[in-house]
Amino acid sequence: MARSELRPVVKLRSTAGTGHTYVTRKNRRNDPDRLTLTKYDPVARRHVLFREER
């Protein structure tokens, strides 16, 4: 299986509306749905929920 097929690069956009993004890889076998992670948003200066953008 190709590398990009199993672990695609995804953008995580802040739900706080600041427009800040993180870039990460995800495993499609373990996380077939959209990825949501709590990460630090430097614009909002607090931890917020980041959702996968398509």
N, C-alpha and C. Protein backbone atom coordinates (compact mmCIF):
# COMPACT_ATOMS: atom_id res chain seq x y z
N MET A 1 0.84 -1.18 0.00
CA MET A 1 0.00 0.00 0.00
C MET A 1 0.88 1.24 0.00
N ALA A 2 0.50 2.24 -0.74
CA ALA A 2 1.29 3.45 -0.85
C ALA A 2 1.23 4.26 0.44
N ARG A 3 2.26 5.02 0.66
CA ARG A 3 2.36 5.81 1.88
C ARG A 3 1.25 6.86 1.98
N SER A 4 0.99 7.55 0.91
CA SER A 4 -0.02 8.61 0.95
C SER A 4 -1.44 8.06 1.06
N GLU A 5 -1.62 6.81 0.70
CA GLU A 5 -2.94 6.22 0.75
C GLU A 5 -3.35 5.86 2.18
N LEU A 6 -2.43 5.35 2.97
CA LEU A 6 -2.74 4.91 4.32
C LEU A 6 -2.71 6.07 5.32
N ARG A 7 -1.73 6.95 5.19
CA ARG A 7 -1.59 8.08 6.11
C ARG A 7 -1.58 9.40 5.35
N PRO A 8 -2.75 9.93 5.01
CA PRO A 8 -2.78 11.20 4.27
C PRO A 8 -2.48 12.39 5.17
N VAL A 9 -2.00 13.45 4.57
CA VAL A 9 -1.76 14.70 5.27
C VAL A 9 -3.09 15.43 5.37
N VAL A 10 -3.46 15.86 6.58
CA VAL A 10 -4.72 16.56 6.79
C VAL A 10 -4.46 17.90 7.49
N LYS A 11 -5.33 18.86 7.21
CA LYS A 11 -5.27 20.16 7.88
C LYS A 11 -6.28 20.16 9.02
N LEU A 12 -5.86 20.68 10.17
CA LEU A 12 -6.75 20.85 11.31
C LEU A 12 -7.00 22.33 11.49
N ARG A 13 -8.26 22.76 11.37
CA ARG A 13 -8.62 24.18 11.50
C ARG A 13 -9.29 24.43 12.83
N SER A 14 -8.97 25.56 13.44
CA SER A 14 -9.52 25.94 14.74
C SER A 14 -11.01 26.20 14.66
N THR A 15 -11.74 25.75 15.68
CA THR A 15 -13.18 26.01 15.75
C THR A 15 -13.47 27.34 16.43
N ALA A 16 -12.43 28.03 16.92
CA ALA A 16 -12.61 29.32 17.57
C ALA A 16 -12.81 30.45 16.56
N GLY A 17 -12.65 30.15 15.27
CA GLY A 17 -12.86 31.16 14.24
C GLY A 17 -11.67 32.07 14.00
N THR A 18 -10.49 31.67 14.46
CA THR A 18 -9.30 32.49 14.28
C THR A 18 -8.61 32.21 12.96
N GLY A 19 -8.89 31.06 12.35
CA GLY A 19 -8.25 30.72 11.09
C GLY A 19 -6.91 30.02 11.24
N HIS A 20 -6.51 29.72 12.46
CA HIS A 20 -5.24 29.04 12.69
C HIS A 20 -5.36 27.57 12.29
N THR A 21 -4.31 27.01 11.67
CA THR A 21 -4.34 25.62 11.24
C THR A 21 -3.09 24.88 11.69
N TYR A 22 -3.23 23.59 11.89
CA TYR A 22 -2.13 22.67 12.11
C TYR A 22 -2.17 21.66 10.98
N VAL A 23 -1.01 21.08 10.64
CA VAL A 23 -0.94 20.04 9.61
C VAL A 23 -0.41 18.78 10.28
N THR A 24 -1.06 17.64 10.04
CA THR A 24 -0.66 16.38 10.63
C THR A 24 -1.01 15.25 9.69
N ARG A 25 -0.63 14.05 10.05
CA ARG A 25 -1.00 12.85 9.30
C ARG A 25 -1.95 12.03 10.15
N LYS A 26 -2.83 11.27 9.48
CA LYS A 26 -3.74 10.42 10.23
C LYS A 26 -3.77 9.04 9.60
N ASN A 27 -4.11 8.06 10.40
CA ASN A 27 -4.23 6.68 9.94
C ASN A 27 -5.68 6.44 9.57
N ARG A 28 -5.93 6.14 8.32
CA ARG A 28 -7.32 5.96 7.86
C ARG A 28 -7.96 4.71 8.43
N ARG A 29 -7.18 3.71 8.75
CA ARG A 29 -7.75 2.49 9.33
C ARG A 29 -8.27 2.74 10.74
N ASN A 30 -7.55 3.52 11.53
CA ASN A 30 -7.97 3.79 12.91
C ASN A 30 -8.97 4.93 13.01
N ASP A 31 -8.87 5.92 12.12
CA ASP A 31 -9.74 7.11 12.16
C ASP A 31 -10.36 7.36 10.79
N PRO A 32 -11.38 6.59 10.41
CA PRO A 32 -11.98 6.80 9.09
C PRO A 32 -12.83 8.08 9.04
N ASP A 33 -13.32 8.57 10.17
CA ASP A 33 -14.12 9.79 10.21
C ASP A 33 -13.20 11.00 10.32
N ARG A 34 -13.80 12.16 10.37
CA ARG A 34 -13.00 13.38 10.51
C ARG A 34 -12.34 13.42 11.88
N LEU A 35 -11.10 13.86 11.89
CA LEU A 35 -10.28 13.89 13.09
C LEU A 35 -10.58 15.17 13.88
N THR A 36 -10.72 15.06 15.21
CA THR A 36 -10.89 16.22 16.08
C THR A 36 -9.89 16.09 17.22
N LEU A 37 -9.11 17.14 17.43
CA LEU A 37 -8.11 17.16 18.48
C LEU A 37 -8.18 18.49 19.24
N THR A 38 -7.89 18.46 20.52
CA THR A 38 -7.78 19.68 21.31
C THR A 38 -6.33 20.12 21.30
N LYS A 39 -6.09 21.29 20.72
CA LYS A 39 -4.73 21.82 20.61
C LYS A 39 -4.73 23.29 20.99
N TYR A 40 -3.53 23.85 21.14
CA TYR A 40 -3.39 25.25 21.53
C TYR A 40 -3.56 26.17 20.32
N ASP A 41 -4.39 27.18 20.45
CA ASP A 41 -4.57 28.19 19.42
C ASP A 41 -3.86 29.45 19.88
N PRO A 42 -2.74 29.81 19.24
CA PRO A 42 -1.99 30.99 19.71
C PRO A 42 -2.71 32.31 19.47
N VAL A 43 -3.64 32.36 18.53
CA VAL A 43 -4.39 33.59 18.29
C VAL A 43 -5.41 33.80 19.41
N ALA A 44 -6.12 32.74 19.79
CA ALA A 44 -7.11 32.82 20.87
C ALA A 44 -6.44 32.71 22.24
N ARG A 45 -5.19 32.25 22.27
CA ARG A 45 -4.38 32.09 23.48
C ARG A 45 -5.02 31.14 24.48
N ARG A 46 -5.58 30.02 23.97
CA ARG A 46 -6.13 28.98 24.83
C ARG A 46 -6.26 27.69 24.01
N HIS A 47 -6.55 26.61 24.68
CA HIS A 47 -6.76 25.34 24.02
C HIS A 47 -8.20 25.28 23.48
N VAL A 48 -8.32 24.93 22.21
CA VAL A 48 -9.64 24.82 21.58
C VAL A 48 -9.68 23.54 20.74
N LEU A 49 -10.86 23.20 20.27
CA LEU A 49 -11.04 22.03 19.44
C LEU A 49 -10.65 22.35 18.00
N PHE A 50 -9.85 21.47 17.41
CA PHE A 50 -9.45 21.60 16.01
C PHE A 50 -10.07 20.44 15.25
N ARG A 51 -10.71 20.74 14.11
CA ARG A 51 -11.37 19.71 13.30
C ARG A 51 -10.67 19.56 11.96
N GLU A 52 -10.74 18.36 11.43
CA GLU A 52 -10.13 18.09 10.13
C GLU A 52 -10.89 18.83 9.03
N GLU A 53 -10.12 19.44 8.14
CA GLU A 53 -10.68 20.19 7.03
C GLU A 53 -10.47 19.37 5.76
N ARG A 54 -11.46 19.37 4.88
CA ARG A 54 -11.31 18.62 3.63
C ARG A 54 -11.29 19.53 2.44
